[in-house]
C-alpha atoms as a PDB file:
ATOM      1  CA  MET A   1     -24.950  25.816  64.959  1.00  0.00           C
ATOM      2  CA  LEU A   2     -23.547  25.810  68.247  1.00  0.00           C
ATOM      3  CA  PRO A   3     -20.291  24.488  67.451  1.00  0.00           C
ATOM      4  CA  LEU A   4     -19.746  27.107  64.853  1.00  0.00           C
ATOM      5  CA  LEU A   5     -20.801  29.729  67.540  1.00  0.00           C
ATOM      6  CA  LEU A   6     -18.233  28.284  70.057  1.00  0.00           C
ATOM      7  CA  VAL A   7     -15.480  28.215  67.462  1.00  0.00           C
ATOM      8  CA  ALA A   8     -16.251  31.841  66.382  1.00  0.00           C
ATOM      9  CA  VAL A   9     -15.890  32.692  70.152  1.00  0.00           C
ATOM     10  CA  VAL A  10     -12.544  31.118  70.537  1.00  0.00           C
ATOM     11  CA  ALA A  11     -11.298  32.426  67.019  1.00  0.00           C
ATOM     12  CA  ALA A  12     -12.096  35.965  68.636  1.00  0.00           C
ATOM     13  CA  GLN A  13     -10.102  35.402  71.860  1.00  0.00           C
ATOM     14  CA  HIS A  14      -7.362  34.372  69.777  1.00  0.00           C
ATOM     15  CA  ARG A  15      -7.513  36.500  66.677  1.00  0.00           C
ATOM     16  CA  SER A  16      -3.763  37.489  67.043  1.00  0.00           C
ATOM     17  CA  VAL A  17      -2.826  33.766  66.461  1.00  0.00           C
ATOM     18  CA  LEU A  18      -5.269  33.886  63.643  1.00  0.00           C
ATOM     19  CA  ALA A  19      -3.670  37.306  62.290  1.00  0.00           C
ATOM     20  CA  ASP A  20      -0.264  35.819  62.297  1.00  0.00           C
ATOM     21  CA  GLY A  21      -1.418  32.345  60.665  1.00  0.00           C
ATOM     22  CA  PHE A  22      -2.916  34.473  57.631  1.00  0.00           C
ATOM     23  CA  ARG A  23       0.304  36.545  57.499  1.00  0.00           C
ATOM     24  CA  HIS A  24       2.328  33.117  57.476  1.00  0.00           C
ATOM     25  CA  LEU A  25       0.404  31.968  54.406  1.00  0.00           C
ATOM     26  CA  ALA A  26       2.405  34.564  52.075  1.00  0.00           C
ATOM     27  CA  THR A  27       5.274  32.484  52.869  1.00  0.00           C
ATOM     28  CA  ALA A  28       4.041  29.276  51.330  1.00  0.00           C
ATOM     29  CA  GLN A  29       6.072  27.452  48.483  1.00  0.00           C
ATOM     30  CA  TRP A  30       3.610  26.732  45.796  1.00  0.00           C
ATOM     31  CA  PRO A  31       4.993  23.399  44.529  1.00  0.00           C
ATOM     32  CA  TRP A  32       4.426  21.642  47.975  1.00  0.00           C
ATOM     33  CA  LEU A  33       0.640  23.181  47.818  1.00  0.00           C
ATOM     34  CA  LEU A  34       0.100  21.881  44.288  1.00  0.00           C
ATOM     35  CA  ALA A  35       1.291  18.444  45.567  1.00  0.00           C
ATOM     36  CA  ALA A  36      -1.440  18.694  48.379  1.00  0.00           C
ATOM     37  CA  ALA A  37      -3.984  19.409  45.801  1.00  0.00           C
ATOM     38  CA  GLY A  38      -2.884  16.511  43.865  1.00  0.00           C
ATOM     39  CA  ALA A  39      -3.399  14.252  46.837  1.00  0.00           C
ATOM     40  CA  THR A  40      -6.761  15.733  47.553  1.00  0.00           C
ATOM     41  CA  CYS A  41      -7.747  15.022  43.801  1.00  0.00           C
ATOM     42  CA  LEU A  42      -6.786  11.305  44.672  1.00  0.00           C
ATOM     43  CA  THR A  43      -8.908  11.051  47.754  1.00  0.00           C
ATOM     44  CA  TRP A  44     -11.960  11.356  45.249  1.00  0.00           C
ATOM     45  CA  VAL A  45     -10.668   8.309  43.686  1.00  0.00           C
ATOM     46  CA  ALA A  46     -10.030   6.612  46.950  1.00  0.00           C
ATOM     47  CA  ALA A  47     -13.682   7.394  47.954  1.00  0.00           C
ATOM     48  CA  ALA A  48     -14.982   5.995  44.441  1.00  0.00           C
ATOM     49  CA  CYS A  49     -12.999   2.587  44.909  1.00  0.00           C
ATOM     50  CA  THR A  50     -14.716   2.356  48.471  1.00  0.00           C
ATOM     51  CA  ARG A  51     -18.266   2.886  47.119  1.00  0.00           C
ATOM     52  CA  GLN A  52     -17.745   0.466  44.413  1.00  0.00           C
ATOM     53  CA  GLY A  53     -16.177  -2.042  46.890  1.00  0.00           C
ATOM     54  CA  ALA A  54     -19.675  -2.023  49.017  1.00  0.00           C
ATOM     55  CA  VAL A  55     -21.928  -3.035  46.335  1.00  0.00           C
ATOM     56  CA  VAL A  56     -21.822  -6.289  44.298  1.00  0.00           C
ATOM     57  CA  GLU A  57     -23.059  -4.658  41.076  1.00  0.00           C
ATOM     58  CA  ARG A  58     -20.568  -2.833  38.962  1.00  0.00           C
ATOM     59  CA  LEU A  59     -21.431   0.973  39.089  1.00  0.00           C
ATOM     60  CA  PRO A  60     -20.629   3.502  36.063  1.00  0.00           C
ATOM     61  CA  GLY A  61     -16.912   4.614  36.610  1.00  0.00           C
ATOM     62  CA  VAL A  62     -16.843   8.178  35.225  1.00  0.00           C
ATOM     63  CA  ARG A  63     -20.285   8.972  36.982  1.00  0.00           C
ATOM     64  CA  LEU A  64     -19.468   7.404  40.274  1.00  0.00           C
ATOM     65  CA  LEU A  65     -16.062   9.442  40.360  1.00  0.00           C
ATOM     66  CA  ALA A  66     -18.111  12.828  39.185  1.00  0.00           C
ATOM     67  CA  THR A  67     -20.502  11.911  41.977  1.00  0.00           C
ATOM     68  CA  GLN A  68     -17.853  11.840  44.664  1.00  0.00           C
ATOM     69  CA  PHE A  69     -16.554  15.031  43.306  1.00  0.00           C
ATOM     70  CA  ALA A  70     -20.276  16.646  43.835  1.00  0.00           C
ATOM     71  CA  ALA A  71     -20.588  14.808  47.138  1.00  0.00           C
ATOM     72  CA  GLY A  72     -18.169  17.002  48.609  1.00  0.00           C
ATOM     73  CA  ALA A  73     -20.098  20.055  47.893  1.00  0.00           C
ATOM     74  CA  ALA A  74     -23.184  18.726  49.212  1.00  0.00           C
ATOM     75  CA  ASN A  75     -21.561  17.782  52.434  1.00  0.00           C
ATOM     76  CA  HIS A  76     -20.905  21.145  53.201  1.00  0.00           C
ATOM     77  CA  LEU A  77     -24.530  22.019  53.235  1.00  0.00           C
ATOM     78  CA  LEU A  78     -25.586  19.429  55.918  1.00  0.00           C
ATOM     79  CA  PRO A  79     -24.124  18.368  59.103  1.00  0.00           C
ATOM     80  CA  THR A  80     -21.793  15.149  59.623  1.00  0.00           C
ATOM     81  CA  GLY A  81     -21.566  13.947  56.284  1.00  0.00           C
ATOM     82  CA  LEU A  82     -25.251  13.913  55.483  1.00  0.00           C
ATOM     83  CA  GLY A  83     -24.818  15.718  52.285  1.00  0.00           C
ATOM     84  CA  ALA A  84     -22.451  13.024  50.728  1.00  0.00           C
ATOM     85  CA  SER A  85     -24.549  10.236  52.010  1.00  0.00           C
ATOM     86  CA  ALA A  86     -27.666  11.817  50.545  1.00  0.00           C
ATOM     87  CA  VAL A  87     -25.831  12.130  47.100  1.00  0.00           C
ATOM     88  CA  ASN A  88     -24.522   8.676  46.999  1.00  0.00           C
ATOM     89  CA  LEU A  89     -27.846   7.342  48.191  1.00  0.00           C
ATOM     90  CA  ARG A  90     -29.579   8.747  45.397  1.00  0.00           C
ATOM     91  CA  PHE A  91     -26.751   8.081  42.708  1.00  0.00           C
ATOM     92  CA  MET A  92     -27.257   4.064  43.900  1.00  0.00           C
ATOM     93  CA  THR A  93     -30.927   4.155  43.675  1.00  0.00           C
ATOM     94  CA  VAL A  94     -30.619   5.929  40.319  1.00  0.00           C
ATOM     95  CA  CYS A  95     -28.367   3.006  39.039  1.00  0.00           C
ATOM     96  CA  GLY A  96     -30.891   0.493  39.884  1.00  0.00           C
ATOM     97  CA  LEU A  97     -30.308  -0.509  43.380  1.00  0.00           C
ATOM     98  CA  PRO A  98     -33.194  -0.879  45.703  1.00  0.00           C
ATOM     99  CA  LEU A  99     -33.268   1.563  48.559  1.00  0.00           C
ATOM    100  CA  ALA A 100     -32.687  -1.021  51.395  1.00  0.00           C
ATOM    101  CA  ARG A 101     -29.525  -2.373  49.460  1.00  0.00           C
ATOM    102  CA  SER A 102     -28.440   1.220  48.804  1.00  0.00           C
ATOM    103  CA  SER A 103     -28.878   2.088  52.360  1.00  0.00           C
ATOM    104  CA  ALA A 104     -26.687  -1.125  53.441  1.00  0.00           C
ATOM    105  CA  ALA A 105     -24.040  -0.165  50.969  1.00  0.00           C
ATOM    106  CA  LEU A 106     -23.921   3.122  52.433  1.00  0.00           C
ATOM    107  CA  ALA A 107     -23.678   1.725  56.050  1.00  0.00           C
ATOM    108  CA  LEU A 108     -21.169  -0.442  55.119  1.00  0.00           C
ATOM    109  CA  TYR A 109     -18.849   2.333  53.332  1.00  0.00           C
ATOM    110  CA  LEU A 110     -19.150   4.338  56.574  1.00  0.00           C
ATOM    111  CA  LEU A 111     -18.083   1.468  58.648  1.00  0.00           C
ATOM    112  CA  ALA A 112     -15.336   0.457  56.858  1.00  0.00           C
ATOM    113  CA  GLU A 113     -14.150   4.231  56.447  1.00  0.00           C
ATOM    114  CA  SER A 114     -14.302   4.754  60.184  1.00  0.00           C
ATOM    115  CA  VAL A 115     -12.681   1.340  60.960  1.00  0.00           C
ATOM    116  CA  ALA A 116     -10.016   2.029  58.640  1.00  0.00           C
ATOM    117  CA  ARG A 117      -9.415   5.486  59.926  1.00  0.00           C
ATOM    118  CA  VAL A 118      -9.311   4.477  63.580  1.00  0.00           C
ATOM    119  CA  ALA A 119      -7.084   1.399  62.899  1.00  0.00           C
ATOM    120  CA  LEU A 120      -4.602   3.760  60.840  1.00  0.00           C
ATOM    121  CA  LEU A 121      -4.484   6.005  64.032  1.00  0.00           C
ATOM    122  CA  GLY A 122      -3.886   3.085  66.292  1.00  0.00           C
ATOM    123  CA  VAL A 123      -0.957   1.821  64.376  1.00  0.00           C
ATOM    124  CA  LEU A 124       0.512   5.002  64.258  1.00  0.00           C
ATOM    125  CA  LEU A 125       0.154   5.751  67.919  1.00  0.00           C
ATOM    126  CA  LEU A 126       1.685   2.455  68.455  1.00  0.00           C
ATOM    127  CA  VAL A 127       4.613   3.270  66.482  1.00  0.00           C
ATOM    128  CA  PHE A 128       5.078   6.816  67.410  1.00  0.00           C
ATOM    129  CA  PRO A 129       3.391   6.871  71.005  1.00  0.00           C
ATOM    130  CA  ASP A 130       5.096  10.523  71.691  1.00  0.00           C
ATOM    131  CA  ALA A 131       3.405  12.108  68.611  1.00  0.00           C
ATOM    132  CA  LEU A 132       1.024  13.896  70.684  1.00  0.00           C
ATOM    133  CA  ARG A 133       1.080  15.665  74.048  1.00  0.00           C
ATOM    134  CA  LEU A 134      -2.311  16.853  74.837  1.00  0.00           C
ATOM    135  CA  GLY A 135      -1.902  17.061  78.515  1.00  0.00           C
ATOM    136  CA  ALA A 136      -1.191  20.762  78.653  1.00  0.00           C
ATOM    137  CA  LEU A 137      -3.878  21.594  75.986  1.00  0.00           C
ATOM    138  CA  LEU A 138      -7.060  19.719  77.087  1.00  0.00           C
ATOM    139  CA  PRO A 139      -9.017  21.075  79.884  1.00  0.00           C
ATOM    140  CA  GLU A 140      -8.801  18.798  83.039  1.00  0.00           C
ATOM    141  CA  GLY A 141     -11.726  16.197  83.206  1.00  0.00           C
ATOM    142  CA  VAL A 142     -12.664  16.421  79.650  1.00  0.00           C
ATOM    143  CA  LEU A 143     -12.163  12.945  78.905  1.00  0.00           C
ATOM    144  CA  GLY A 144     -14.311  11.845  81.703  1.00  0.00           C
ATOM    145  CA  SER A 145     -16.828  13.922  80.550  1.00  0.00           C
ATOM    146  CA  VAL A 146     -16.379  12.341  77.306  1.00  0.00           C
ATOM    147  CA  LEU A 147     -16.891   8.800  78.299  1.00  0.00           C
ATOM    148  CA  VAL A 148     -19.945   9.795  80.563  1.00  0.00           C
ATOM    149  CA  ILE A 149     -21.804  11.233  77.533  1.00  0.00           C
ATOM    150  CA  GLY A 150     -21.041   8.538  75.466  1.00  0.00           C
ATOM    151  CA  ALA A 151     -22.295   6.054  78.125  1.00  0.00           C
ATOM    152  CA  VAL A 152     -25.593   7.950  78.488  1.00  0.00           C
ATOM    153  CA  VAL A 153     -26.242   7.891  74.653  1.00  0.00           C
ATOM    154  CA  LEU A 154     -25.584   4.025  74.195  1.00  0.00           C
ATOM    155  CA  VAL A 155     -28.017   3.582  77.366  1.00  0.00           C
ATOM    156  CA  VAL A 156     -30.413   5.875  75.657  1.00  0.00           C
ATOM    157  CA  ALA A 157     -30.147   4.026  72.528  1.00  0.00           C
ATOM    158  CA  ALA A 158     -30.462   0.704  74.068  1.00  0.00           C
ATOM    159  CA  GLY A 159     -33.612   1.926  75.804  1.00  0.00           C
ATOM    160  CA  VAL A 160     -35.226   2.848  72.685  1.00  0.00           C
ATOM    161  CA  LEU A 161     -34.505  -0.202  71.179  1.00  0.00           C
ATOM    162  CA  GLY A 162     -35.796  -2.426  73.881  1.00  0.00           C
ATOM    163  CA  LEU A 163     -39.016  -0.313  74.266  1.00  0.00           C
ATOM    164  CA  VAL A 164     -39.982   0.595  70.922  1.00  0.00           C
ATOM    165  CA  ARG A 165     -41.086  -2.321  68.884  1.00  0.00           C
ATOM    166  CA  ARG A 166     -41.305  -0.428  65.568  1.00  0.00           C
ATOM    167  CA  VAL A 167     -38.030   0.885  65.896  1.00  0.00           C
ATOM    168  CA  ARG A 168     -36.607  -2.407  67.027  1.00  0.00           C
ATOM    169  CA  SER A 169     -38.204  -4.111  63.948  1.00  0.00           C
ATOM    170  CA  ALA A 170     -36.750  -1.673  61.581  1.00  0.00           C
ATOM    171  CA  VAL A 171     -33.271  -1.933  63.017  1.00  0.00           C
ATOM    172  CA  VAL A 172     -33.280  -5.573  62.735  1.00  0.00           C
ATOM    173  CA  SER A 173     -34.625  -5.522  59.476  1.00  0.00           C
ATOM    174  CA  PHE A 174     -31.911  -3.041  58.381  1.00  0.00           C
ATOM    175  CA  LEU A 175     -28.945  -5.123  59.941  1.00  0.00           C
ATOM    176  CA  ARG A 176     -30.485  -8.041  58.124  1.00  0.00           C
ATOM    177  CA  THR A 177     -30.169  -6.419  54.857  1.00  0.00           C
ATOM    178  CA  ALA A 178     -26.816  -4.780  55.909  1.00  0.00           C
ATOM    179  CA  LEU A 179     -25.112  -7.978  56.960  1.00  0.00           C
ATOM    180  CA  GLY A 180     -26.323  -9.700  53.597  1.00  0.00           C
ATOM    181  CA  GLU A 181     -24.741  -7.226  51.385  1.00  0.00           C
ATOM    182  CA  ALA A 182     -21.659  -7.211  53.636  1.00  0.00           C
ATOM    183  CA  ARG A 183     -21.449 -11.121  52.908  1.00  0.00           C
ATOM    184  CA  SER A 184     -22.150 -10.813  49.087  1.00  0.00           C
ATOM    185  CA  VAL A 185     -19.473  -8.255  49.005  1.00  0.00           C
ATOM    186  CA  HIS A 186     -16.844 -10.174  50.940  1.00  0.00           C
ATOM    187  CA  ALA A 187     -17.471 -13.121  48.822  1.00  0.00           C
ATOM    188  CA  ARG A 188     -15.621 -11.269  45.763  1.00  0.00           C
ATOM    189  CA  PRO A 189     -12.185 -10.682  46.640  1.00  0.00           C
ATOM    190  CA  ALA A 190     -11.910  -7.905  44.005  1.00  0.00           C
ATOM    191  CA  ARG A 191     -14.815  -5.783  45.848  1.00  0.00           C
ATOM    192  CA  ALA A 192     -13.419  -6.433  49.094  1.00  0.00           C
ATOM    193  CA  VAL A 193     -10.163  -5.285  48.113  1.00  0.00           C
ATOM    194  CA  ALA A 194     -11.861  -1.951  46.490  1.00  0.00           C
ATOM    195  CA  LEU A 195     -13.628  -1.621  49.952  1.00  0.00           C
ATOM    196  CA  TRP A 196     -11.089  -1.915  52.318  1.00  0.00           C
ATOM    197  CA  GLY A 197      -8.117  -0.380  50.280  1.00  0.00           C
ATOM    198  CA  GLY A 198     -10.061   2.603  49.364  1.00  0.00           C
ATOM    199  CA  SER A 199     -11.039   2.717  53.202  1.00  0.00           C
ATOM    200  CA  LEU A 200      -7.403   3.017  54.036  1.00  0.00           C
ATOM    201  CA  ALA A 201      -6.169   5.255  51.264  1.00  0.00           C
ATOM    202  CA  PHE A 202      -8.995   7.797  51.744  1.00  0.00           C
ATOM    203  CA  PRO A 203      -7.622   8.962  55.298  1.00  0.00           C
ATOM    204  CA  ALA A 204      -4.034   8.324  54.423  1.00  0.00           C
ATOM    205  CA  LEU A 205      -4.202  10.594  51.600  1.00  0.00           C
ATOM    206  CA  GLN A 206      -5.924  13.259  53.631  1.00  0.00           C
ATOM    207  CA  ALA A 207      -3.354  13.191  56.024  1.00  0.00           C
ATOM    208  CA  THR A 208      -0.553  13.345  53.296  1.00  0.00           C
ATOM    209  CA  GLY A 209      -2.348  16.451  52.192  1.00  0.00           C
ATOM    210  CA  LEU A 210      -1.958  17.973  55.461  1.00  0.00           C
ATOM    211  CA  VAL A 211       1.931  17.069  55.520  1.00  0.00           C
ATOM    212  CA  LEU A 212       2.553  18.434  52.208  1.00  0.00           C
ATOM    213  CA  VAL A 213       1.068  21.683  53.133  1.00  0.00           C
ATOM    214  CA  GLY A 214       2.965  21.683  56.517  1.00  0.00           C
ATOM    215  CA  ARG A 215       6.146  21.228  54.350  1.00  0.00           C
ATOM    216  CA  ALA A 216       4.994  24.180  52.420  1.00  0.00           C
ATOM    217  CA  LEU A 217       4.546  26.398  55.181  1.00  0.00           C
ATOM    218  CA  GLY A 218       7.801  24.951  57.034  1.00  0.00           C
ATOM    219  CA  LEU A 219       6.016  23.264  59.734  1.00  0.00           C
ATOM    220  CA  GLN A 220       8.869  21.766  61.869  1.00  0.00           C
ATOM    221  CA  VAL A 221       7.135  18.553  62.766  1.00  0.00           C
ATOM    222  CA  PRO A 222       7.661  15.082  61.605  1.00  0.00           C
ATOM    223  CA  ALA A 223       5.446  13.767  58.779  1.00  0.00           C
ATOM    224  CA  ALA A 224       4.265  10.778  60.910  1.00  0.00           C
ATOM    225  CA  HIS A 225       3.543  13.004  63.953  1.00  0.00           C
ATOM    226  CA  VAL A 226       1.487  15.431  61.544  1.00  0.00           C
ATOM    227  CA  ALA A 227      -0.337  12.366  60.186  1.00  0.00           C
ATOM    228  CA  VAL A 228      -1.218  11.203  63.820  1.00  0.00           C
ATOM    229  CA  ALA A 229      -2.425  14.875  64.559  1.00  0.00           C
ATOM    230  CA  TYR A 230      -4.595  14.961  61.436  1.00  0.00           C
ATOM    231  CA  LEU A 231      -6.206  11.432  62.118  1.00  0.00           C
ATOM    232  CA  ALA A 232      -6.775  12.247  66.002  1.00  0.00           C
ATOM    233  CA  ALA A 233      -8.566  15.366  65.189  1.00  0.00           C
ATOM    234  CA  THR A 234     -10.643  14.156  62.592  1.00  0.00           C
ATOM    235  CA  VAL A 235     -11.746  11.081  64.884  1.00  0.00           C
ATOM    236  CA  ALA A 236     -12.278  13.526  67.606  1.00  0.00           C
ATOM    237  CA  VAL A 237     -14.600  15.754  65.634  1.00  0.00           C
ATOM    238  CA  ALA A 238     -16.477  12.887  63.711  1.00  0.00           C
ATOM    239  CA  LEU A 239     -19.381  13.594  66.377  1.00  0.00           C
ATOM    240  CA  VAL A 240     -19.601  17.081  65.953  1.00  0.00           C
ATOM    241  CA  PRO A 241     -22.359  18.119  63.883  1.00  0.00           C
ATOM    242  CA  THR A 242     -21.245  21.305  61.657  1.00  0.00           C
ATOM    243  CA  PRO A 243     -21.500  21.215  57.918  1.00  0.00           C
ATOM    244  CA  GLY A 244     -18.635  19.617  56.289  1.00  0.00           C
ATOM    245  CA  GLY A 245     -16.863  19.781  59.758  1.00  0.00           C
ATOM    246  CA  ILE A 246     -16.241  23.722  59.196  1.00  0.00           C
ATOM    247  CA  GLY A 247     -15.184  25.341  62.407  1.00  0.00           C
ATOM    248  CA  SER A 248     -14.625  22.177  64.359  1.00  0.00           C
ATOM    249  CA  VAL A 249     -12.036  20.547  61.963  1.00  0.00           C
ATOM    250  CA  GLU A 250      -9.981  23.710  62.075  1.00  0.00           C
ATOM    251  CA  ALA A 251     -10.037  24.177  65.784  1.00  0.00           C
ATOM    252  CA  ALA A 252      -9.177  20.489  66.537  1.00  0.00           C
ATOM    253  CA  LEU A 253      -6.428  20.549  63.786  1.00  0.00           C
ATOM    254  CA  VAL A 254      -4.615  23.604  65.394  1.00  0.00           C
ATOM    255  CA  VAL A 255      -4.894  21.904  68.620  1.00  0.00           C
ATOM    256  CA  ALA A 256      -3.701  18.509  67.625  1.00  0.00           C
ATOM    257  CA  LEU A 257      -0.808  20.314  65.442  1.00  0.00           C
ATOM    258  CA  VAL A 258       0.528  22.295  68.487  1.00  0.00           C
ATOM    259  CA  ALA A 259       0.324  19.216  70.554  1.00  0.00           C
ATOM    260  CA  ALA A 260       2.588  17.523  67.932  1.00  0.00           C
ATOM    261  CA  GLY A 261       5.108  20.178  68.421  1.00  0.00           C
ATOM    262  CA  GLY A 262       4.326  23.032  65.888  1.00  0.00           C
ATOM    263  CA  PRO A 263       4.170  26.663  66.783  1.00  0.00           C
ATOM    264  CA  ALA A 264       0.537  28.109  67.167  1.00  0.00           C
ATOM    265  CA  ALA A 265       0.934  30.747  64.488  1.00  0.00           C
ATOM    266  CA  VAL A 266       2.322  28.267  61.989  1.00  0.00           C
ATOM    267  CA  ALA A 267      -0.241  25.554  62.808  1.00  0.00           C
ATOM    268  CA  THR A 268      -2.917  27.831  62.257  1.00  0.00           C
ATOM    269  CA  ALA A 269      -1.618  28.893  58.893  1.00  0.00           C
ATOM    270  CA  VAL A 270      -0.979  25.254  57.776  1.00  0.00           C
ATOM    271  CA  VAL A 271      -4.786  24.548  58.630  1.00  0.00           C
ATOM    272  CA  LEU A 272      -6.060  27.635  57.089  1.00  0.00           C
ATOM    273  CA  ALA A 273      -3.884  26.364  53.871  1.00  0.00           C
ATOM    274  CA  TYR A 274      -5.104  22.888  53.977  1.00  0.00           C
ATOM    275  CA  ARG A 275      -8.549  23.974  54.406  1.00  0.00           C
ATOM    276  CA  ILE A 276      -8.492  26.218  51.376  1.00  0.00           C
ATOM    277  CA  VAL A 277      -7.035  23.535  49.133  1.00  0.00           C
ATOM    278  CA  THR A 278      -9.149  20.630  50.435  1.00  0.00           C
ATOM    279  CA  VAL A 279     -12.623  22.691  50.872  1.00  0.00           C
ATOM    280  CA  TRP A 280     -12.831  25.976  49.547  1.00  0.00           C
ATOM    281  CA  LEU A 281     -11.320  25.754  46.458  1.00  0.00           C
ATOM    282  CA  PRO A 282     -12.959  22.616  45.132  1.00  0.00           C
ATOM    283  CA  MET A 283     -16.620  23.962  46.544  1.00  0.00           C
ATOM    284  CA  LEU A 284     -17.474  26.149  43.771  1.00  0.00           C
ATOM    285  CA  PRO A 285     -16.600  23.464  40.770  1.00  0.00           C
ATOM    286  CA  GLY A 286     -18.139  20.815  43.083  1.00  0.00           C
ATOM    287  CA  ALA A 287     -21.167  22.698  43.252  1.00  0.00           C
ATOM    288  CA  LEU A 288     -21.433  23.119  39.524  1.00  0.00           C
ATOM    289  CA  THR A 289     -20.851  19.499  39.176  1.00  0.00           C
ATOM    290  CA  LEU A 290     -23.675  18.581  41.467  1.00  0.00           C
ATOM    291  CA  GLY A 291     -25.812  20.698  39.478  1.00  0.00           C
ATOM    292  CA  ALA A 292     -25.090  19.351  36.429  1.00  0.00           C
ATOM    293  CA  LEU A 293     -25.786  15.700  37.656  1.00  0.00           C
ATOM    294  CA  VAL A 294     -29.281  16.734  39.182  1.00  0.00           C
ATOM    295  CA  ARG A 295     -29.874  18.025  35.541  1.00  0.00           C
ATOM    296  CA  LEU A 296     -28.555  15.042  33.745  1.00  0.00           C
ATOM    297  CA  LYS A 297     -30.620  12.682  36.195  1.00  0.00           C
ATOM    298  CA  VAL A 298     -27.557  10.973  37.447  1.00  0.00           C
ATOM    299  CA  ILE A 299     -28.569  11.693  40.884  1.00  0.00           C
END
């Protein structure tokens, strides 16, 4: 709840910018918003492809796609993607995969999606090195603080693994299962293509959705720079434990779009419209789908 509270404080301090952003929503061009909605729908297809690519067994396609739609609603109930992970873990176990292999497949999916997102961001930054100008927007010394915190977390984790035998044994057993699952998946070209192709398509489609919303609201920022802003913002908030990234994603996206050269009011309107299209509109049908899948014992 702490990140949500901090975002609420910042929003109250900049309420005039938020008000301008809400007023700017009335100028949106609906064809571009419909195209953004279409890109959002394709993200569920990409997620289904990646989930299938993470396991050797063939999963039922229609139920797999419905599960990804439902997982989006569950993702907004628990922090840091735990909702979607729980839904997919349950789906794979219902399909007959042992819990250890289902967990390994889930870890492989998360790893592939993270690697693809960071790699896509790295490539775009190499091609467009001037896409973001964060120097004037970030507090002085924030990067050093983040690095120190990351180093402390790694040291603590290494200490726990080294000192607690039960944790070390569980981690080693899990890694052994996960590596075996990864080898099996990559021994099948179709599965490897689905895994990595879906992992690349998922963030690319998300970024495309933001580009289309920007076009709908007249954001005068090059499409590639908007994509860089989106990827940078989502990578930055990946460790912020808010349900579905609510609050933290909005704040990071506004900062990133302003850093990419967009006016604050227009950037705020773009982020509000984007989150409405990708989060709030699908939430109710996603929740209904989730309930139906539970009643039908698909998950």
